[in-house]
């Protein structure tokens, strides 16, 4: 049984709520199987210069021509992403098309994921609170480097305590 997907790309404009005479922002509306998502192109156009039926700007000015060329490039990129999903025999959803267009990778590593991975890997390898643990965690090759940093911390703590004692004595 062959399944068919519905797919469409439209370009629409949105006006700011309070300012009716202002420039409108251009959005790409992606529709797949009845679900849709809009992505801002971060381009502005006067509502008087917009053709809703054609989904592009009207006119021959250089800026209008450049906007229409940009819209066509975006249309091509989104359509290419859709066709790539079909060729790879992946499930075609609006989120999958959006992710391909925006360059979001399923296997992308974020700082949070990296931190979680590090904490999971190091949990069993390091004992709690030892100078050796801190040395390994910081990637020092010798414990001497860690001891230098620890002394700086001890010195700062000692100075702070002396300052606190002086303040308490003056009150």
Protein backbone atom coordinates (compact mmCIF):
# COMPACT_ATOMS: atom_id res chain seq x y z
CA UNK A 1 0.00 0.00 0.00
CA UNK A 2 1.38 3.36 -0.97
CA UNK A 3 0.83 6.32 1.29
CA UNK A 4 0.60 9.82 -0.08
CA UNK A 5 1.56 13.01 1.67
CA UNK A 6 0.05 16.40 1.11
CA UNK A 7 2.63 19.15 0.98
CA UNK A 8 2.43 22.86 0.38
CA UNK A 9 4.45 26.05 0.76
CA UNK A 10 2.78 29.44 0.94
CA UNK A 11 4.20 32.83 1.69
CA UNK A 12 2.08 35.18 3.79
CA UNK A 13 2.55 38.47 5.60
CA UNK A 14 1.71 39.42 9.17
CA UNK A 15 1.16 42.98 10.35
CA UNK A 16 2.16 44.12 13.84
CA UNK A 17 -0.99 44.27 16.00
CA UNK A 18 -0.84 47.92 16.99
CA UNK A 19 0.65 49.44 13.84
CA UNK A 20 -1.58 49.01 10.80
CA UNK A 21 0.41 51.38 8.56
CA UNK A 22 3.75 49.70 9.24
CA UNK A 23 5.75 47.18 7.24
CA UNK A 24 4.57 43.57 7.40
CA UNK A 25 6.81 40.58 8.10
CA UNK A 26 6.99 37.81 5.48
CA UNK A 27 6.44 34.22 6.66
CA UNK A 28 6.81 30.85 4.93
CA UNK A 29 3.90 28.54 5.77
CA UNK A 30 4.75 24.86 5.42
CA UNK A 31 1.85 22.39 5.31
CA UNK A 32 2.30 18.62 5.52
CA UNK A 33 -0.66 16.26 5.87
CA UNK A 34 -2.94 18.97 7.25
CA UNK A 35 -0.48 20.26 9.85
CA UNK A 36 1.24 23.57 9.28
CA UNK A 37 4.04 25.66 10.65
CA UNK A 38 5.14 29.20 9.90
CA UNK A 39 8.73 30.43 9.77
CA UNK A 40 9.61 34.12 9.66
CA UNK A 41 11.86 35.09 6.77
CA UNK A 42 12.86 38.19 8.76
CA UNK A 43 12.04 40.31 5.72
CA UNK A 44 9.61 43.23 5.65
CA UNK A 45 7.33 44.48 2.90
CA UNK A 46 4.64 47.12 2.63
CA UNK A 47 1.17 45.49 2.65
CA UNK A 48 0.26 47.55 -0.44
CA UNK A 49 3.09 45.82 -2.32
CA UNK A 50 2.04 42.28 -1.39
CA UNK A 51 0.08 39.93 -3.68
CA UNK A 52 -1.72 37.40 -1.44
CA UNK A 53 -2.78 35.18 -4.34
CA UNK A 54 0.76 34.77 -5.71
CA UNK A 55 2.50 34.87 -2.32
CA UNK A 56 5.06 37.42 -3.41
CA UNK A 57 5.65 41.14 -3.58
CA UNK A 58 4.32 43.30 -6.43
CA UNK A 59 6.51 45.74 -8.26
CA UNK A 60 9.75 46.14 -10.13
CA UNK A 61 11.87 48.06 -7.67
CA UNK A 62 15.23 46.51 -6.85
CA UNK A 63 14.28 45.76 -3.23
CA UNK A 64 11.02 44.07 -4.34
CA UNK A 65 12.89 42.00 -6.92
CA UNK A 66 15.46 40.91 -4.30
CA UNK A 67 12.67 39.95 -1.88
CA UNK A 68 10.95 37.82 -4.53
CA UNK A 69 14.25 36.12 -5.39
CA UNK A 70 14.78 35.38 -1.68
CA UNK A 71 11.26 33.92 -1.43
CA UNK A 72 11.95 31.62 -4.39
CA UNK A 73 15.25 30.45 -2.85
CA UNK A 74 13.44 29.64 0.40
CA UNK A 75 10.68 27.82 -1.53
CA UNK A 76 13.35 25.71 -3.26
CA UNK A 77 15.18 24.90 -0.01
CA UNK A 78 11.98 23.79 1.72
CA UNK A 79 10.85 21.70 -1.26
CA UNK A 80 14.31 20.10 -1.50
CA UNK A 81 14.09 19.15 2.18
CA UNK A 82 10.68 17.55 1.61
CA UNK A 83 11.95 15.56 -1.37
CA UNK A 84 15.05 14.50 0.56
CA UNK A 85 12.83 13.00 3.28
CA UNK A 86 10.87 11.09 0.66
CA UNK A 87 14.05 9.79 -1.03
CA UNK A 88 15.44 8.63 2.31
CA UNK A 89 12.09 6.91 3.01
CA UNK A 90 11.73 8.77 6.29
CA UNK A 91 8.45 9.74 7.87
CA UNK A 92 7.41 13.05 6.37
CA UNK A 93 6.03 15.47 8.97
CA UNK A 94 5.91 19.22 9.18
CA UNK A 95 8.46 19.04 12.02
CA UNK A 96 10.85 16.92 9.93
CA UNK A 97 10.65 19.38 7.00
CA UNK A 98 11.12 22.32 9.37
CA UNK A 99 14.13 20.67 11.03
CA UNK A 100 15.78 20.02 7.68
CA UNK A 101 15.17 23.58 6.54
CA UNK A 102 16.45 25.12 9.79
CA UNK A 103 19.45 22.80 9.85
CA UNK A 104 18.53 21.14 13.14
CA UNK A 105 20.18 17.74 13.40
CA UNK A 106 18.61 14.89 15.36
CA UNK A 107 22.04 13.94 16.71
CA UNK A 108 23.15 17.45 17.56
CA UNK A 109 25.02 17.83 20.82
CA UNK A 110 24.04 20.73 23.05
CA UNK A 111 25.98 22.00 26.03
CA UNK A 112 23.32 20.57 28.36
CA UNK A 113 23.55 17.13 26.73
CA UNK A 114 27.34 17.28 26.96
CA UNK A 115 27.17 18.22 30.66
CA UNK A 116 24.73 15.38 31.37
CA UNK A 117 26.98 12.94 29.54
CA UNK A 118 30.02 14.14 31.49
CA UNK A 119 28.24 13.87 34.84
CA UNK A 120 26.99 10.36 34.06
CA UNK A 121 30.42 9.15 32.96
CA UNK A 122 32.27 10.72 35.88
CA UNK A 123 29.84 9.68 38.62
CA UNK A 124 31.32 6.18 38.96
CA UNK A 125 34.93 7.18 38.30
CA UNK A 126 35.35 9.89 40.93
CA UNK A 127 35.07 9.62 44.69
CA UNK A 128 33.19 12.42 46.40
CA UNK A 129 35.20 15.38 47.67
CA UNK A 130 38.76 14.20 47.19
CA UNK A 131 41.54 16.31 45.72
CA UNK A 132 42.22 13.44 43.31
CA UNK A 133 38.63 13.63 42.07
CA UNK A 134 38.87 17.35 41.48
CA UNK A 135 42.21 16.89 39.73
CA UNK A 136 40.75 14.27 37.36
CA UNK A 137 37.63 16.33 36.74
CA UNK A 138 39.68 19.41 35.79
CA UNK A 139 41.90 17.31 33.53
CA UNK A 140 45.13 18.06 35.37
CA UNK A 141 47.97 15.65 34.63
CA UNK A 142 49.44 16.03 38.13
CA UNK A 143 47.80 16.72 41.45
CA UNK A 144 50.24 19.59 41.98
CA UNK A 145 48.28 21.84 39.57
CA UNK A 146 45.10 21.20 41.51
CA UNK A 147 46.84 21.96 44.80
CA UNK A 148 47.92 25.36 43.44
CA UNK A 149 44.29 26.23 42.67
CA UNK A 150 43.17 24.86 46.05
CA UNK A 151 45.67 27.11 47.85
CA UNK A 152 44.30 30.13 46.02
CA UNK A 153 40.86 29.19 47.23
CA UNK A 154 42.13 28.67 50.80
CA UNK A 155 43.93 32.02 50.72
CA UNK A 156 40.81 33.83 49.50
CA UNK A 157 38.68 32.11 52.12
CA UNK A 158 41.17 33.08 54.84
CA UNK A 159 41.17 36.72 53.70
CA UNK A 160 37.38 36.83 53.62
CA UNK A 161 37.16 35.41 57.15
CA UNK A 162 39.64 38.02 58.45
CA UNK A 163 37.61 40.80 56.84
CA UNK A 164 34.44 39.41 58.41
CA UNK A 165 36.11 39.32 61.85
CA UNK A 166 37.17 42.97 61.46
CA UNK A 167 33.61 44.02 60.52
CA UNK A 168 32.14 42.10 63.47
CA UNK A 169 34.66 43.73 65.85
CA UNK A 170 33.76 47.24 64.63
CA UNK A 171 30.03 46.80 65.23
